[in-house]
C-alpha cells in the first residue's frame, strides 16, 4: 500500500508576514522536500524576500481520505 500525506506549511516572509501552503504527496516522506516545495510555491509572489518554511501539520492518509480532502485523484494515478 502506498503512503499518502498532506502537510500544512507556514512560509514566513522576511520574518514578518506569513502564508499557509498545503503540500500533498505520495511515497517516501522527506521533510526538506516538503519545505522546499512550499517555498517554491510562495517565491514568485515575493521574489526578493527571505523565506523560511515551518511544517505545522503532517497527516498520513489512505487513498480514499486523500481523494476526499483534495477533491480529486492524485495526479500520478
Protein backbone atom coordinates (compact mmCIF):
# COMPACT_ATOMS: atom_id res chain seq x y z
CA UNK A 1 0.00 0.00 0.00
CA UNK A 2 1.28 3.44 -0.88
CA UNK A 3 1.61 6.20 1.68
CA UNK A 4 -0.25 9.42 1.00
CA UNK A 5 0.34 12.55 3.03
CA UNK A 6 -0.98 16.08 3.37
CA UNK A 7 1.10 18.78 5.05
CA UNK A 8 0.24 22.30 6.09
CA UNK A 9 3.30 24.51 5.86
CA UNK A 10 3.69 28.05 7.19
CA UNK A 11 6.03 30.08 4.97
CA UNK A 12 7.45 33.09 6.80
CA UNK A 13 8.29 36.06 4.60
CA UNK A 14 11.05 38.41 5.83
CA UNK A 15 10.27 37.36 9.40
CA UNK A 16 7.07 39.40 9.35
CA UNK A 17 4.38 38.07 7.02
CA UNK A 18 3.13 34.51 6.81
CA UNK A 19 1.42 32.40 4.17
CA UNK A 20 -0.05 28.92 4.63
CA UNK A 21 0.58 26.36 1.89
CA UNK A 22 -0.80 22.83 1.57
CA UNK A 23 1.54 20.22 0.11
CA UNK A 24 0.29 16.75 -0.85
CA UNK A 25 2.26 13.75 -1.93
CA UNK A 26 2.81 10.03 -2.05
CA UNK A 27 5.59 7.64 -1.13
CA UNK A 28 8.68 8.40 0.89
CA UNK A 29 8.36 11.45 3.09
CA UNK A 30 11.23 13.94 3.08
CA UNK A 31 10.80 16.99 5.28
CA UNK A 32 13.32 19.04 3.27
CA UNK A 33 11.49 18.42 0.00
CA UNK A 34 8.20 19.50 1.60
CA UNK A 35 9.71 22.74 2.88
CA UNK A 36 11.41 23.44 -0.48
CA UNK A 37 8.14 22.89 -2.37
CA UNK A 38 6.30 25.31 -0.08
CA UNK A 39 8.98 27.97 -0.59
CA UNK A 40 8.90 27.32 -4.35
CA UNK A 41 5.14 28.00 -4.39
CA UNK A 42 5.43 31.28 -2.45
CA UNK A 43 8.67 32.60 -4.04
CA UNK A 44 7.07 34.02 -7.25
CA UNK A 45 4.89 36.34 -5.13
CA UNK A 46 7.86 37.53 -3.03
CA UNK A 47 10.91 37.22 -5.35
CA UNK A 48 13.31 39.41 -3.34
CA UNK A 49 12.30 38.21 0.11
CA UNK A 50 13.88 35.90 2.65
CA UNK A 51 11.64 32.87 3.07
CA UNK A 52 11.58 30.17 5.75
CA UNK A 53 9.22 27.21 5.97
CA UNK A 54 7.81 25.54 9.09
CA UNK A 55 5.65 22.42 8.89
CA UNK A 56 2.59 22.95 11.06
CA UNK A 57 0.79 19.69 10.40
CA UNK A 58 1.70 16.35 8.83
CA UNK A 59 -1.06 13.86 8.18
CA UNK A 60 -0.69 10.35 6.75
CA UNK A 61 -3.88 9.33 4.95
CA UNK A 62 -5.34 6.46 2.92
CA UNK A 63 -6.17 6.95 -0.77
CA UNK A 64 -9.90 7.39 -0.13
CA UNK A 65 -9.28 10.04 2.53
CA UNK A 66 -6.73 11.74 0.25
CA UNK A 67 -9.33 11.93 -2.52
CA UNK A 68 -11.93 13.32 -0.10
CA UNK A 69 -9.59 16.01 1.23
CA UNK A 70 -8.16 17.14 -2.11
CA UNK A 71 -11.34 16.62 -4.09
CA UNK A 72 -9.66 14.54 -6.79
CA UNK A 73 -7.45 11.62 -7.61
CA UNK A 74 -3.72 12.12 -7.16
CA UNK A 75 -2.14 13.12 -10.49
CA UNK A 76 0.05 10.01 -10.56
CA UNK A 77 -2.93 7.58 -10.65
